[in-house]
Amino acid sequence: MDRERKKKMITTLLMTAMLAATLVIMTGCGSEDSGASCREILDGCKKIAPEGSFDTLVSYGEDLYEDSFDNLYGIQFKDISDGAILYTESGGLADEISIVCMKDNSDVQVAKQKLQERIEARRKTFSGYKPEEVYKLDNASVIVQGNYAALIISDDNESFESEIRRIISEGAE
């Protein structure tokens, strides 16, 4: 193969790779997706959280997230394209914000149901362990936007819901 032909072939391969990378970056989670990852969404929540709370964030692609995901939520890991959990590592608090991005929009309602079941499981745990935290579970919420489903357990669900919806709609900062 002559030098000019090799050069042309390499250029074509590079352009194809760049196009593929662009498509991967632009392809996201649902029609309302702004390109924000679940980690970026929960980073936004962490920024507005009261000091001393929500000090731990694990997300899709990390061993801890992948190892515990199925046991925590009952959602099939193969059905999500992204996800993250924000909580207080020291324990003793019911506070948790979890978000998943489903690969298929038809699975979002299943995710919503599984997240509601998570609230009930946590309520049972905390009623015997730390009953003063149960009020957070009584007021917990599960929201859906596009292919995202999010669980919010905190003292200020409305602020976190607003932040999640804002980042999904506008994108991460």
N, C-alpha and C. Protein backbone atom coordinates (compact mmCIF):
# COMPACT_ATOMS: atom_id res chain seq x y z
N MET A 1 0.85 -1.17 0.00
CA MET A 1 0.00 0.00 0.00
C MET A 1 0.90 1.24 0.00
N ASP A 2 0.57 2.18 -0.85
CA ASP A 2 1.41 3.37 -0.90
C ASP A 2 1.14 4.30 0.28
N ARG A 3 2.05 5.18 0.50
CA ARG A 3 2.02 6.09 1.67
C ARG A 3 0.76 6.96 1.69
N GLU A 4 0.36 7.49 0.56
CA GLU A 4 -0.82 8.37 0.48
C GLU A 4 -2.10 7.62 0.83
N ARG A 5 -2.18 6.39 0.35
CA ARG A 5 -3.37 5.57 0.64
C ARG A 5 -3.45 5.23 2.14
N LYS A 6 -2.32 4.90 2.76
CA LYS A 6 -2.27 4.63 4.20
C LYS A 6 -2.71 5.86 4.99
N LYS A 7 -2.22 7.00 4.57
CA LYS A 7 -2.57 8.26 5.25
C LYS A 7 -4.07 8.51 5.18
N LYS A 8 -4.64 8.27 4.01
CA LYS A 8 -6.09 8.47 3.80
C LYS A 8 -6.90 7.49 4.67
N MET A 9 -6.42 6.25 4.73
CA MET A 9 -7.10 5.23 5.53
C MET A 9 -7.06 5.59 7.03
N ILE A 10 -5.92 6.04 7.50
CA ILE A 10 -5.77 6.43 8.91
C ILE A 10 -6.67 7.63 9.22
N THR A 11 -6.71 8.59 8.32
CA THR A 11 -7.58 9.76 8.49
C THR A 11 -9.04 9.33 8.57
N THR A 12 -9.46 8.43 7.69
CA THR A 12 -10.83 7.93 7.70
C THR A 12 -11.15 7.21 9.00
N LEU A 13 -10.22 6.38 9.46
CA LEU A 13 -10.42 5.66 10.73
C LEU A 13 -10.53 6.64 11.90
N LEU A 14 -9.68 7.64 11.94
CA LEU A 14 -9.73 8.64 13.01
C LEU A 14 -11.05 9.41 12.99
N MET A 15 -11.49 9.79 11.81
CA MET A 15 -12.76 10.53 11.71
C MET A 15 -13.93 9.65 12.14
N THR A 16 -13.90 8.38 11.78
CA THR A 16 -14.95 7.45 12.19
C THR A 16 -14.95 7.29 13.71
N ALA A 17 -13.77 7.17 14.30
CA ALA A 17 -13.67 7.04 15.76
C ALA A 17 -14.18 8.29 16.46
N MET A 18 -13.84 9.47 15.92
CA MET A 18 -14.32 10.72 16.53
C MET A 18 -15.84 10.83 16.41
N LEU A 19 -16.39 10.42 15.29
CA LEU A 19 -17.84 10.45 15.11
C LEU A 19 -18.52 9.50 16.10
N ALA A 20 -17.96 8.31 16.24
CA ALA A 20 -18.52 7.34 17.19
C ALA A 20 -18.46 7.89 18.62
N ALA A 21 -17.35 8.50 18.99
CA ALA A 21 -17.22 9.08 20.34
C ALA A 21 -18.24 10.19 20.55
N THR A 22 -18.44 11.01 19.55
CA THR A 22 -19.42 12.09 19.64
C THR A 22 -20.82 11.53 19.84
N LEU A 23 -21.15 10.48 19.11
CA LEU A 23 -22.47 9.87 19.25
C LEU A 23 -22.67 9.28 20.65
N VAL A 24 -21.63 8.66 21.18
CA VAL A 24 -21.72 8.10 22.53
C VAL A 24 -21.95 9.20 23.55
N ILE A 25 -21.23 10.30 23.41
CA ILE A 25 -21.37 11.42 24.35
C ILE A 25 -22.75 12.03 24.25
N MET A 26 -23.26 12.17 23.04
CA MET A 26 -24.55 12.85 22.85
C MET A 26 -25.74 11.95 23.14
N THR A 27 -25.54 10.64 23.09
CA THR A 27 -26.63 9.72 23.36
C THR A 27 -26.79 9.64 24.86
N GLY A 28 -27.99 9.82 25.34
CA GLY A 28 -28.14 9.88 26.78
C GLY A 28 -29.30 9.09 27.31
N CYS A 29 -29.82 9.58 28.37
CA CYS A 29 -30.83 8.90 29.14
C CYS A 29 -32.17 9.57 28.93
N GLY A 30 -32.90 9.17 27.90
CA GLY A 30 -34.24 9.69 27.70
C GLY A 30 -34.28 10.95 26.87
N SER A 31 -35.46 11.32 26.47
CA SER A 31 -35.62 12.48 25.60
C SER A 31 -35.36 13.78 26.32
N GLU A 32 -35.50 13.81 27.62
CA GLU A 32 -35.28 15.04 28.38
C GLU A 32 -33.84 15.15 28.85
N ASP A 33 -33.02 14.20 28.47
CA ASP A 33 -31.64 14.19 28.95
C ASP A 33 -30.85 15.38 28.45
N SER A 34 -30.14 15.97 29.35
CA SER A 34 -29.31 17.12 29.02
C SER A 34 -27.86 16.70 28.88
N GLY A 35 -27.60 15.41 29.03
CA GLY A 35 -26.23 14.95 29.02
C GLY A 35 -25.66 14.82 30.41
N ALA A 36 -26.40 15.22 31.43
CA ALA A 36 -25.93 15.13 32.80
C ALA A 36 -25.96 13.67 33.25
N SER A 37 -24.86 13.22 33.82
CA SER A 37 -24.83 11.87 34.37
C SER A 37 -25.53 11.88 35.73
N CYS A 38 -25.88 10.69 36.19
CA CYS A 38 -26.49 10.59 37.52
C CYS A 38 -25.54 11.10 38.59
N ARG A 39 -24.26 10.87 38.42
CA ARG A 39 -23.27 11.38 39.38
C ARG A 39 -23.29 12.91 39.40
N GLU A 40 -23.36 13.54 38.23
CA GLU A 40 -23.41 15.00 38.17
C GLU A 40 -24.68 15.53 38.83
N ILE A 41 -25.78 14.83 38.64
CA ILE A 41 -27.04 15.24 39.26
C ILE A 41 -26.92 15.21 40.78
N LEU A 42 -26.35 14.13 41.30
CA LEU A 42 -26.21 14.03 42.76
C LEU A 42 -25.09 14.91 43.29
N ASP A 43 -24.11 15.24 42.47
CA ASP A 43 -23.12 16.26 42.88
C ASP A 43 -23.84 17.58 43.15
N GLY A 44 -24.81 17.91 42.30
CA GLY A 44 -25.61 19.12 42.50
C GLY A 44 -26.38 19.06 43.80
N CYS A 45 -26.93 17.89 44.12
CA CYS A 45 -27.66 17.72 45.38
C CYS A 45 -26.72 17.85 46.57
N LYS A 46 -25.52 17.29 46.43
CA LYS A 46 -24.53 17.35 47.52
C LYS A 46 -24.17 18.81 47.83
N LYS A 47 -24.11 19.64 46.80
CA LYS A 47 -23.76 21.05 46.98
C LYS A 47 -24.80 21.81 47.80
N ILE A 48 -26.07 21.40 47.71
CA ILE A 48 -27.11 22.12 48.46
C ILE A 48 -27.47 21.44 49.78
N ALA A 49 -26.84 20.29 50.05
CA ALA A 49 -27.14 19.55 51.28
C ALA A 49 -26.56 20.26 52.50
N PRO A 50 -27.23 20.14 53.64
CA PRO A 50 -26.68 20.72 54.87
C PRO A 50 -25.32 20.11 55.19
N GLU A 51 -24.44 20.91 55.77
CA GLU A 51 -23.11 20.42 56.12
C GLU A 51 -23.23 19.24 57.07
N GLY A 52 -22.40 18.23 56.84
CA GLY A 52 -22.40 17.05 57.70
C GLY A 52 -23.32 15.94 57.21
N SER A 53 -24.12 16.24 56.21
CA SER A 53 -24.99 15.20 55.66
C SER A 53 -24.54 14.87 54.24
N PHE A 54 -24.95 13.75 53.77
CA PHE A 54 -24.67 13.32 52.40
C PHE A 54 -23.19 13.49 52.04
N ASP A 55 -22.35 12.73 52.74
CA ASP A 55 -20.92 12.85 52.52
C ASP A 55 -20.35 11.78 51.58
N THR A 56 -21.18 10.85 51.14
CA THR A 56 -20.69 9.76 50.32
C THR A 56 -21.53 9.63 49.05
N LEU A 57 -20.84 9.57 47.93
CA LEU A 57 -21.48 9.44 46.62
C LEU A 57 -20.82 8.30 45.88
N VAL A 58 -21.60 7.30 45.51
CA VAL A 58 -21.10 6.20 44.69
C VAL A 58 -21.95 6.14 43.44
N SER A 59 -21.33 5.74 42.34
CA SER A 59 -22.07 5.77 41.08
C SER A 59 -21.70 4.62 40.16
N TYR A 60 -22.49 4.51 39.14
CA TYR A 60 -22.32 3.53 38.07
C TYR A 60 -20.86 3.51 37.63
N GLY A 61 -20.33 2.31 37.48
CA GLY A 61 -18.93 2.18 37.08
C GLY A 61 -18.00 1.93 38.25
N GLU A 62 -18.48 2.16 39.47
CA GLU A 62 -17.69 1.90 40.67
C GLU A 62 -18.08 0.54 41.24
N ASP A 63 -17.10 -0.20 41.72
CA ASP A 63 -17.36 -1.55 42.24
C ASP A 63 -18.40 -1.56 43.34
N LEU A 64 -18.31 -0.64 44.29
CA LEU A 64 -19.26 -0.61 45.41
C LEU A 64 -20.69 -0.45 44.92
N TYR A 65 -20.89 0.40 43.94
CA TYR A 65 -22.23 0.62 43.38
C TYR A 65 -22.73 -0.66 42.70
N GLU A 66 -21.91 -1.21 41.85
CA GLU A 66 -22.33 -2.38 41.10
C GLU A 66 -22.52 -3.60 41.99
N ASP A 67 -21.69 -3.75 43.02
CA ASP A 67 -21.80 -4.91 43.91
C ASP A 67 -23.06 -4.88 44.76
N SER A 68 -23.52 -3.70 45.14
CA SER A 68 -24.66 -3.62 46.06
C SER A 68 -25.97 -3.24 45.38
N PHE A 69 -25.94 -2.85 44.13
CA PHE A 69 -27.12 -2.31 43.46
C PHE A 69 -28.32 -3.26 43.49
N ASP A 70 -28.16 -4.48 43.01
CA ASP A 70 -29.29 -5.42 42.93
C ASP A 70 -29.92 -5.67 44.30
N ASN A 71 -29.07 -5.79 45.34
CA ASN A 71 -29.59 -6.05 46.68
C ASN A 71 -30.34 -4.85 47.25
N LEU A 72 -29.92 -3.65 46.92
CA LEU A 72 -30.56 -2.46 47.47
C LEU A 72 -31.91 -2.16 46.83
N TYR A 73 -32.00 -2.34 45.53
CA TYR A 73 -33.17 -1.83 44.83
C TYR A 73 -34.05 -2.87 44.15
N GLY A 74 -33.53 -4.02 43.84
CA GLY A 74 -34.34 -5.01 43.15
C GLY A 74 -34.55 -4.69 41.68
N ILE A 75 -33.89 -3.66 41.19
CA ILE A 75 -33.92 -3.32 39.77
C ILE A 75 -32.77 -4.10 39.14
N GLN A 76 -33.01 -4.67 37.99
CA GLN A 76 -31.96 -5.41 37.31
C GLN A 76 -30.88 -4.46 36.82
N PHE A 77 -29.64 -4.71 37.20
CA PHE A 77 -28.53 -3.85 36.83
C PHE A 77 -28.41 -3.73 35.31
N LYS A 78 -28.73 -4.79 34.61
CA LYS A 78 -28.63 -4.77 33.15
C LYS A 78 -29.63 -3.82 32.51
N ASP A 79 -30.64 -3.39 33.26
CA ASP A 79 -31.68 -2.50 32.72
C ASP A 79 -31.36 -1.02 32.89
N ILE A 80 -30.27 -0.71 33.59
CA ILE A 80 -29.93 0.71 33.78
C ILE A 80 -28.74 1.09 32.90
N SER A 81 -28.71 2.37 32.53
CA SER A 81 -27.56 2.87 31.78
C SER A 81 -26.69 3.76 32.66
N ASP A 82 -27.21 4.13 33.83
CA ASP A 82 -26.47 4.99 34.75
C ASP A 82 -27.18 4.97 36.10
N GLY A 83 -26.49 5.38 37.13
CA GLY A 83 -27.09 5.46 38.45
C GLY A 83 -26.10 6.00 39.47
N ALA A 84 -26.64 6.47 40.59
CA ALA A 84 -25.78 6.98 41.66
C ALA A 84 -26.58 7.01 42.96
N ILE A 85 -25.87 6.94 44.07
CA ILE A 85 -26.46 6.99 45.40
C ILE A 85 -25.68 8.00 46.23
N LEU A 86 -26.41 8.85 46.95
CA LEU A 86 -25.81 9.84 47.85
C LEU A 86 -26.35 9.55 49.24
N TYR A 87 -25.45 9.39 50.21
CA TYR A 87 -25.87 9.07 51.58
C TYR A 87 -24.81 9.54 52.57
N THR A 88 -25.13 9.37 53.85
CA THR A 88 -24.19 9.72 54.91
C THR A 88 -23.53 8.43 55.39
N GLU A 89 -22.23 8.33 55.20
CA GLU A 89 -21.52 7.08 55.44
C GLU A 89 -21.56 6.62 56.90
N SER A 90 -21.57 7.54 57.83
CA SER A 90 -21.52 7.14 59.24
C SER A 90 -22.74 6.36 59.68
N GLY A 91 -23.80 6.39 58.91
CA GLY A 91 -25.00 5.63 59.24
C GLY A 91 -25.83 6.33 60.30
N GLY A 92 -26.89 5.69 60.68
CA GLY A 92 -27.76 6.25 61.70
C GLY A 92 -28.77 7.24 61.15
N LEU A 93 -28.63 7.62 59.89
CA LEU A 93 -29.58 8.53 59.26
C LEU A 93 -30.28 7.81 58.12
N ALA A 94 -31.56 8.06 57.98
CA ALA A 94 -32.32 7.45 56.90
C ALA A 94 -32.05 8.14 55.57
N ASP A 95 -31.46 9.32 55.61
CA ASP A 95 -31.24 10.14 54.42
C ASP A 95 -30.56 9.36 53.29
N GLU A 96 -31.14 9.48 52.11
CA GLU A 96 -30.60 8.83 50.92
C GLU A 96 -31.21 9.49 49.70
N ILE A 97 -30.39 9.74 48.72
CA ILE A 97 -30.88 10.17 47.42
C ILE A 97 -30.27 9.22 46.41
N SER A 98 -31.13 8.54 45.68
CA SER A 98 -30.68 7.60 44.67
C SER A 98 -31.34 7.96 43.35
N ILE A 99 -30.59 7.80 42.28
CA ILE A 99 -31.15 8.06 40.96
C ILE A 99 -30.65 6.99 40.00
N VAL A 100 -31.55 6.52 39.15
CA VAL A 100 -31.18 5.58 38.10
C VAL A 100 -31.69 6.11 36.77
N CYS A 101 -30.98 5.77 35.76
CA CYS A 101 -31.39 6.08 34.40
C CYS A 101 -31.63 4.75 33.72
N MET A 102 -32.84 4.52 33.32
CA MET A 102 -33.20 3.26 32.70
C MET A 102 -32.86 3.28 31.22
N LYS A 103 -32.42 2.15 30.70
CA LYS A 103 -32.10 2.05 29.28
C LYS A 103 -33.36 2.21 28.43
N ASP A 104 -34.45 1.64 28.91
CA ASP A 104 -35.70 1.63 28.17
C ASP A 104 -36.76 2.40 28.96
N ASN A 105 -37.38 3.37 28.32
CA ASN A 105 -38.39 4.19 28.99
C ASN A 105 -39.52 3.35 29.57
N SER A 106 -39.82 2.21 28.96
CA SER A 106 -40.92 1.37 29.46
C SER A 106 -40.59 0.76 30.82
N ASP A 107 -39.31 0.79 31.24
CA ASP A 107 -38.91 0.24 32.55
C ASP A 107 -38.92 1.29 33.67
N VAL A 108 -39.20 2.54 33.35
CA VAL A 108 -39.15 3.60 34.36
C VAL A 108 -40.19 3.37 35.45
N GLN A 109 -41.37 2.92 35.09
CA GLN A 109 -42.40 2.68 36.10
C GLN A 109 -42.03 1.52 37.02
N VAL A 110 -41.33 0.53 36.49
CA VAL A 110 -40.83 -0.58 37.31
C VAL A 110 -39.81 -0.03 38.31
N ALA A 111 -38.93 0.83 37.83
CA ALA A 111 -37.92 1.44 38.72
C ALA A 111 -38.61 2.26 39.80
N LYS A 112 -39.63 3.01 39.43
CA LYS A 112 -40.38 3.82 40.41
C LYS A 112 -40.96 2.91 41.50
N GLN A 113 -41.55 1.82 41.10
CA GLN A 113 -42.15 0.88 42.07
C GLN A 113 -41.07 0.29 42.98
N LYS A 114 -39.94 -0.08 42.42
CA LYS A 114 -38.85 -0.66 43.22
C LYS A 114 -38.29 0.36 44.21
N LEU A 115 -38.21 1.62 43.80
CA LEU A 115 -37.73 2.65 44.72
C LEU A 115 -38.74 2.89 45.84
N GLN A 116 -40.03 2.80 45.54
CA GLN A 116 -41.05 2.91 46.59
C GLN A 116 -40.95 1.73 47.56
N GLU A 117 -40.65 0.56 47.03
CA GLU A 117 -40.44 -0.61 47.90
C GLU A 117 -39.21 -0.41 48.79
N ARG A 118 -38.22 0.28 48.28
CA ARG A 118 -37.02 0.59 49.08
C ARG A 118 -37.39 1.43 50.29
N ILE A 119 -38.30 2.38 50.10
CA ILE A 119 -38.77 3.21 51.22
C ILE A 119 -39.38 2.32 52.30
N GLU A 120 -40.23 1.39 51.89
CA GLU A 120 -40.89 0.50 52.86
C GLU A 120 -39.87 -0.37 53.60
N ALA A 121 -38.90 -0.89 52.88
CA ALA A 121 -37.87 -1.72 53.52
C ALA A 121 -37.07 -0.90 54.54
N ARG A 122 -36.73 0.32 54.18
CA ARG A 122 -35.99 1.20 55.09
C ARG A 122 -36.85 1.58 56.29
N ARG A 123 -38.14 1.78 56.07
CA ARG A 123 -39.05 2.11 57.18
C ARG A 123 -39.03 0.98 58.21
N LYS A 124 -39.10 -0.26 57.74
CA LYS A 124 -39.08 -1.41 58.65
C LYS A 124 -37.76 -1.45 59.43
N THR A 125 -36.66 -1.20 58.74
CA THR A 125 -35.35 -1.22 59.40
C THR A 125 -35.27 -0.13 60.46
N PHE A 126 -35.63 1.10 60.09
CA PHE A 126 -35.47 2.22 61.01
C PHE A 126 -36.50 2.22 62.13
N SER A 127 -37.66 1.62 61.94
CA SER A 127 -38.66 1.61 63.02
C SER A 127 -38.15 0.82 64.21
N GLY A 128 -37.33 -0.19 63.97
CA GLY A 128 -36.76 -0.96 65.07
C GLY A 128 -35.39 -0.49 65.49
N TYR A 129 -34.70 0.22 64.62
CA TYR A 129 -33.31 0.62 64.83
C TYR A 129 -33.20 2.05 65.33
N LYS A 130 -33.87 2.97 64.66
CA LYS A 130 -33.79 4.37 65.01
C LYS A 130 -35.12 5.04 64.66
N PRO A 131 -36.14 4.85 65.50
CA PRO A 131 -37.49 5.32 65.18
C PRO A 131 -37.61 6.82 64.94
N GLU A 132 -36.68 7.62 65.49
CA GLU A 132 -36.76 9.07 65.27
C GLU A 132 -36.46 9.46 63.81
N GLU A 133 -35.98 8.52 63.00
CA GLU A 133 -35.71 8.78 61.57
C GLU A 133 -36.88 8.38 60.67
N VAL A 134 -37.87 7.70 61.21
CA VAL A 134 -38.97 7.18 60.40
C VAL A 134 -39.77 8.29 59.73
N TYR A 135 -39.86 9.47 60.34
CA TYR A 135 -40.62 10.56 59.73
C TYR A 135 -40.08 10.91 58.34
N LYS A 136 -38.77 10.76 58.15
CA LYS A 136 -38.19 11.03 56.83
C LYS A 136 -38.71 10.04 55.80
N LEU A 137 -38.86 8.80 56.23
CA LEU A 137 -39.37 7.77 55.34
C LEU A 137 -40.86 7.96 55.07
N ASP A 138 -41.58 8.46 56.07
CA ASP A 138 -43.00 8.76 55.88
C ASP A 138 -43.19 9.88 54.86
N ASN A 139 -42.21 10.75 54.73
CA ASN A 139 -42.29 11.88 53.81
C ASN A 139 -41.42 11.71 52.56
N ALA A 140 -40.82 10.54 52.39
CA ALA A 140 -39.94 10.28 51.25
C ALA A 140 -40.72 10.40 49.94
N SER A 141 -39.98 10.66 48.87
CA SER A 141 -40.64 10.75 47.57
C SER A 141 -39.84 10.02 46.50
N VAL A 142 -40.57 9.61 45.48
CA VAL A 142 -39.98 9.01 44.29
C VAL A 142 -40.47 9.84 43.12
N ILE A 143 -39.54 10.32 42.31
CA ILE A 143 -39.91 11.15 41.17
C ILE A 143 -39.40 10.50 39.88
N VAL A 144 -40.07 10.85 38.79
CA VAL A 144 -39.69 10.35 37.48
C VAL A 144 -39.60 11.54 36.54
N GLN A 145 -38.56 11.56 35.73
CA GLN A 145 -38.42 12.56 34.67
C GLN A 145 -37.64 11.92 33.54
N GLY A 146 -38.26 11.81 32.38
CA GLY A 146 -37.63 11.12 31.26
C GLY A 146 -37.37 9.68 31.64
N ASN A 147 -36.15 9.21 31.41
CA ASN A 147 -35.78 7.85 31.78
C ASN A 147 -35.20 7.75 33.18
N TYR A 148 -35.20 8.86 33.92
CA TYR A 148 -34.67 8.89 35.27
C TYR A 148 -35.77 8.59 36.28
N ALA A 149 -35.41 7.84 37.31
CA ALA A 149 -36.26 7.66 38.49
C ALA A 149 -35.37 7.95 39.69
N ALA A 150 -35.89 8.74 40.63
CA ALA A 150 -35.08 9.14 41.79
C ALA A 150 -35.85 8.95 43.08
N LEU A 151 -35.13 8.52 44.09
CA LEU A 151 -35.64 8.34 45.45
C LEU A 151 -35.03 9.44 46.31
N ILE A 152 -35.87 10.14 47.07
CA ILE A 152 -35.37 11.21 47.93
C ILE A 152 -35.89 10.98 49.34
N ILE A 153 -34.95 10.77 50.27
CA ILE A 153 -35.27 10.63 51.69
C ILE A 153 -34.41 11.66 52.42
N SER A 154 -35.06 12.70 52.93
CA SER A 154 -34.31 13.77 53.61
C SER A 154 -35.27 14.64 54.40
N ASP A 155 -34.71 15.66 55.02
CA ASP A 155 -35.52 16.67 55.70
C ASP A 155 -36.06 17.71 54.73
N ASP A 156 -35.53 17.75 53.51
CA ASP A 156 -35.91 18.78 52.56
C ASP A 156 -36.05 18.21 51.15
N ASN A 157 -37.01 17.31 50.99
CA ASN A 157 -37.22 16.64 49.71
C ASN A 157 -37.48 17.62 48.57
N GLU A 158 -38.22 18.68 48.85
CA GLU A 158 -38.60 19.62 47.79
C GLU A 158 -37.37 20.29 47.17
N SER A 159 -36.41 20.70 47.97
CA SER A 159 -35.20 21.34 47.43
C SER A 159 -34.41 20.36 46.57
N PHE A 160 -34.28 19.14 47.04
CA PHE A 160 -33.54 18.14 46.27
C PHE A 160 -34.28 17.78 44.99
N GLU A 161 -35.60 17.66 45.06
CA GLU A 161 -36.37 17.38 43.85
C GLU A 161 -36.18 18.50 42.83
N SER A 162 -36.24 19.74 43.27
CA SER A 162 -36.04 20.87 42.37
C SER A 162 -34.67 20.83 41.72
N GLU A 163 -33.65 20.51 42.51
CA GLU A 163 -32.28 20.46 41.99
C GLU A 163 -32.13 19.33 40.97
N ILE A 164 -32.69 18.18 41.27
CA ILE A 164 -32.62 17.04 40.34
C ILE A 164 -33.30 17.41 39.03
N ARG A 165 -34.51 17.94 39.12
CA ARG A 165 -35.25 18.30 37.90
C ARG A 165 -34.53 19.40 37.12
N ARG A 166 -33.94 20.35 37.82
CA ARG A 166 -33.23 21.44 37.15
C ARG A 166 -32.04 20.90 36.36
N ILE A 167 -31.25 20.05 36.99
CA ILE A 167 -30.05 19.52 36.32
C ILE A 167 -30.43 18.62 35.16
N ILE A 168 -31.46 17.81 35.31
CA ILE A 168 -31.90 16.97 34.19
C ILE A 168 -32.33 17.86 33.02
N SER A 169 -33.06 18.92 33.32
CA SER A 169 -33.57 19.80 32.27
C SER A 169 -32.50 20.68 31.66
N GLU A 170 -31.61 21.24 32.50
CA GLU A 170 -30.64 22.23 32.03
C GLU A 170 -29.26 21.68 31.80
N GLY A 171 -28.95 20.58 32.44
CA GLY A 171 -27.60 20.03 32.32
C GLY A 171 -26.77 20.40 33.54
N ALA A 172 -25.68 19.69 33.69
CA ALA A 172 -24.78 19.93 34.82
C ALA A 172 -23.99 21.21 34.57
N GLU A 173 -23.58 21.83 35.66
CA GLU A 173 -22.81 23.08 35.57
C GLU A 173 -21.36 22.81 35.32
